C-alpha atoms as a PDB file:
ATOM      1  CA  MET A   1     -80.284 -15.082  -8.028  1.00  0.00           C
ATOM      2  CA  SER A   2     -79.222 -12.524  -5.492  1.00  0.00           C
ATOM      3  CA  LEU A   3     -75.663 -12.112  -4.098  1.00  0.00           C
ATOM      4  CA  GLY A   4     -77.012 -13.244  -0.746  1.00  0.00           C
ATOM      5  CA  ASP A   5     -78.285 -16.552  -2.226  1.00  0.00           C
ATOM      6  CA  PRO A   6     -76.344 -19.556  -0.690  1.00  0.00           C
ATOM      7  CA  GLN A   7     -76.229 -21.219  -4.049  1.00  0.00           C
ATOM      8  CA  HIS A   8     -74.412 -18.153  -5.517  1.00  0.00           C
ATOM      9  CA  GLU A   9     -72.015 -18.071  -2.492  1.00  0.00           C
ATOM     10  CA  ALA A  10     -71.296 -21.821  -3.032  1.00  0.00           C
ATOM     11  CA  ASN A  11     -69.984 -21.060  -6.569  1.00  0.00           C
ATOM     12  CA  THR A  12     -67.742 -18.088  -5.679  1.00  0.00           C
ATOM     13  CA  LEU A  13     -64.074 -18.520  -6.455  1.00  0.00           C
ATOM     14  CA  THR A  14     -61.495 -16.879  -4.176  1.00  0.00           C
ATOM     15  CA  PRO A  15     -58.102 -15.973  -5.647  1.00  0.00           C
ATOM     16  CA  VAL A  16     -55.368 -17.390  -3.491  1.00  0.00           C
ATOM     17  CA  ALA A  17     -52.128 -17.040  -5.642  1.00  0.00           C
ATOM     18  CA  ARG A  18     -50.798 -15.081  -8.666  1.00  0.00           C
ATOM     19  CA  MET A  19     -47.694 -16.047 -10.771  1.00  0.00           C
ATOM     20  CA  SER A  20     -46.237 -14.023 -13.651  1.00  0.00           C
ATOM     21  CA  ILE A  21     -45.152 -15.381 -16.995  1.00  0.00           C
ATOM     22  CA  ALA A  22     -42.934 -13.145 -19.044  1.00  0.00           C
ATOM     23  CA  ASN A  23     -41.970 -13.593 -22.573  1.00  0.00           C
ATOM     24  CA  ASP A  24     -38.244 -12.370 -22.447  1.00  0.00           C
ATOM     25  CA  SER A  25     -37.490 -13.730 -25.971  1.00  0.00           C
ATOM     26  CA  ASP A  26     -37.633 -12.208 -29.377  1.00  0.00           C
ATOM     27  CA  ASP A  27     -40.185 -14.725 -30.555  1.00  0.00           C
ATOM     28  CA  VAL A  28     -43.803 -15.458 -29.715  1.00  0.00           C
ATOM     29  CA  LEU A  29     -44.360 -17.618 -26.695  1.00  0.00           C
ATOM     30  CA  ARG A  30     -47.175 -20.066 -26.527  1.00  0.00           C
ATOM     31  CA  LEU A  31     -48.787 -20.447 -23.076  1.00  0.00           C
ATOM     32  CA  THR A  32     -51.176 -23.222 -22.526  1.00  0.00           C
ATOM     33  CA  LEU A  33     -53.355 -23.023 -19.403  1.00  0.00           C
ATOM     34  CA  GLU A  34     -54.409 -26.381 -18.109  1.00  0.00           C
ATOM     35  CA  PRO A  35     -56.635 -28.175 -17.391  1.00  0.00           C
ATOM     36  CA  TYR A  36     -58.547 -26.237 -20.014  1.00  0.00           C
ATOM     37  CA  ALA A  37     -55.886 -26.551 -22.886  1.00  0.00           C
ATOM     38  CA  SER A  38     -56.515 -22.921 -23.524  1.00  0.00           C
ATOM     39  CA  ASP A  39     -53.730 -21.452 -25.740  1.00  0.00           C
ATOM     40  CA  TYR A  40     -52.443 -17.825 -25.398  1.00  0.00           C
ATOM     41  CA  TRP A  41     -49.766 -16.247 -27.428  1.00  0.00           C
ATOM     42  CA  LEU A  42     -47.413 -13.769 -25.700  1.00  0.00           C
ATOM     43  CA  ALA A  43     -45.629 -11.139 -27.810  1.00  0.00           C
ATOM     44  CA  PRO A  44     -42.024 -10.547 -27.136  1.00  0.00           C
ATOM     45  CA  GLY A  45     -41.790  -8.399 -23.790  1.00  0.00           C
ATOM     46  CA  GLU A  46     -45.362  -9.231 -22.856  1.00  0.00           C
ATOM     47  CA  THR A  47     -46.130 -10.383 -19.302  1.00  0.00           C
ATOM     48  CA  VAL A  48     -49.329 -12.125 -17.979  1.00  0.00           C
ATOM     49  CA  TYR A  49     -50.399 -13.391 -14.615  1.00  0.00           C
ATOM     50  CA  VAL A  50     -51.831 -16.871 -13.907  1.00  0.00           C
ATOM     51  CA  VAL A  51     -54.325 -16.594 -11.087  1.00  0.00           C
ATOM     52  CA  LYS A  52     -55.218 -19.584  -8.970  1.00  0.00           C
ATOM     53  CA  ALA A  53     -58.514 -19.704  -7.195  1.00  0.00           C
ATOM     54  CA  ILE A  54     -60.398 -21.987  -4.922  1.00  0.00           C
ATOM     55  CA  ASN A  55     -64.072 -22.589  -4.094  1.00  0.00           C
ATOM     56  CA  GLU A  56     -63.760 -22.395  -0.352  1.00  0.00           C
ATOM     57  CA  LYS A  57     -66.974 -24.277   0.183  1.00  0.00           C
ATOM     58  CA  HIS A  58     -66.321 -27.298  -2.167  1.00  0.00           C
ATOM     59  CA  ASP A  59     -62.632 -27.552  -3.158  1.00  0.00           C
ATOM     60  CA  ARG A  60     -60.386 -30.115  -1.461  1.00  0.00           C
ATOM     61  CA  PRO A  61     -56.672 -29.520  -0.977  1.00  0.00           C
ATOM     62  CA  GLU A  62     -54.689 -30.405  -4.035  1.00  0.00           C
ATOM     63  CA  SER A  63     -53.308 -33.926  -4.193  1.00  0.00           C
ATOM     64  CA  GLY A  64     -49.627 -34.135  -3.245  1.00  0.00           C
ATOM     65  CA  THR A  65     -49.333 -30.444  -2.395  1.00  0.00           C
ATOM     66  CA  SER A  66     -49.058 -28.651   0.884  1.00  0.00           C
ATOM     67  CA  SER A  67     -49.842 -25.105  -0.237  1.00  0.00           C
ATOM     68  CA  ALA A  68     -52.766 -23.485  -1.843  1.00  0.00           C
ATOM     69  CA  GLN A  69     -50.308 -21.392  -3.819  1.00  0.00           C
ATOM     70  CA  HIS A  70     -48.884 -24.360  -5.681  1.00  0.00           C
ATOM     71  CA  PHE A  71     -48.621 -24.198  -9.590  1.00  0.00           C
ATOM     72  CA  TYR A  72     -47.243 -26.835 -12.039  1.00  0.00           C
ATOM     73  CA  VAL A  73     -45.084 -25.380 -14.826  1.00  0.00           C
ATOM     74  CA  HIS A  74     -44.019 -27.576 -17.726  1.00  0.00           C
ATOM     75  CA  TYR A  75     -41.482 -26.229 -20.318  1.00  0.00           C
ATOM     76  CA  HIS A  76     -41.716 -27.600 -23.826  1.00  0.00           C
ATOM     77  CA  GLY A  77     -38.905 -25.844 -25.504  1.00  0.00           C
ATOM     78  CA  PRO A  78     -38.053 -22.137 -25.710  1.00  0.00           C
ATOM     79  CA  ALA A  79     -41.443 -21.236 -27.438  1.00  0.00           C
ATOM     80  CA  TRP A  80     -43.934 -23.150 -25.309  1.00  0.00           C
ATOM     81  CA  VAL A  81     -44.902 -23.404 -21.686  1.00  0.00           C
ATOM     82  CA  MET A  82     -47.823 -25.048 -20.005  1.00  0.00           C
ATOM     83  CA  VAL A  83     -49.156 -23.856 -16.636  1.00  0.00           C
ATOM     84  CA  SER A  84     -51.579 -25.731 -14.335  1.00  0.00           C
ATOM     85  CA  PRO A  85     -52.879 -23.883 -11.250  1.00  0.00           C
ATOM     86  CA  ASN A  86     -53.803 -27.325 -10.042  1.00  0.00           C
ATOM     87  CA  GLY A  87     -57.483 -26.269  -9.788  1.00  0.00           C
ATOM     88  CA  HIS A  88     -59.438 -23.262 -11.006  1.00  0.00           C
ATOM     89  CA  GLY A  89     -57.405 -20.519 -12.813  1.00  0.00           C
ATOM     90  CA  TRP A  90     -57.379 -17.744 -15.370  1.00  0.00           C
ATOM     91  CA  LEU A  91     -54.982 -15.224 -16.904  1.00  0.00           C
ATOM     92  CA  GLU A  92     -54.916 -11.493 -16.156  1.00  0.00           C
ATOM     93  CA  ASP A  93     -52.890  -8.527 -17.576  1.00  0.00           C
ATOM     94  CA  ALA A  94     -50.820  -6.309 -15.310  1.00  0.00           C
ATOM     95  CA  ASP A  95     -53.849  -4.308 -14.291  1.00  0.00           C
ATOM     96  CA  GLY A  96     -55.804  -7.326 -13.029  1.00  0.00           C
ATOM     97  CA  ASN A  97     -58.107  -7.591 -16.105  1.00  0.00           C
ATOM     98  CA  ALA A  98     -59.023 -11.149 -16.992  1.00  0.00           C
ATOM     99  CA  LEU A  99     -57.825 -12.168 -20.469  1.00  0.00           C
ATOM    100  CA  ASP A 100     -60.131 -14.138 -22.886  1.00  0.00           C
END
């Protein structure tokens, strides 16, 4: 499939927002990225970025939100946070490299 293929273009995600999550504690912080239930463990002092993206050809506006930059953040105590970009998303380091 070439980059000019309409099917490829229909599956392209466009980043629309970025939010930092920093572990300012002395303990490991569990970060769960929804809706995938992917867990990441942040060391003390570590910062990662949640990237929200949309597929401009197929995604609809999020239910109940007025902004493409909207994130849901749920705190489950001092050592666990869940983040939902309310759509497509992934984590990056400070240099913009995607984290596995």
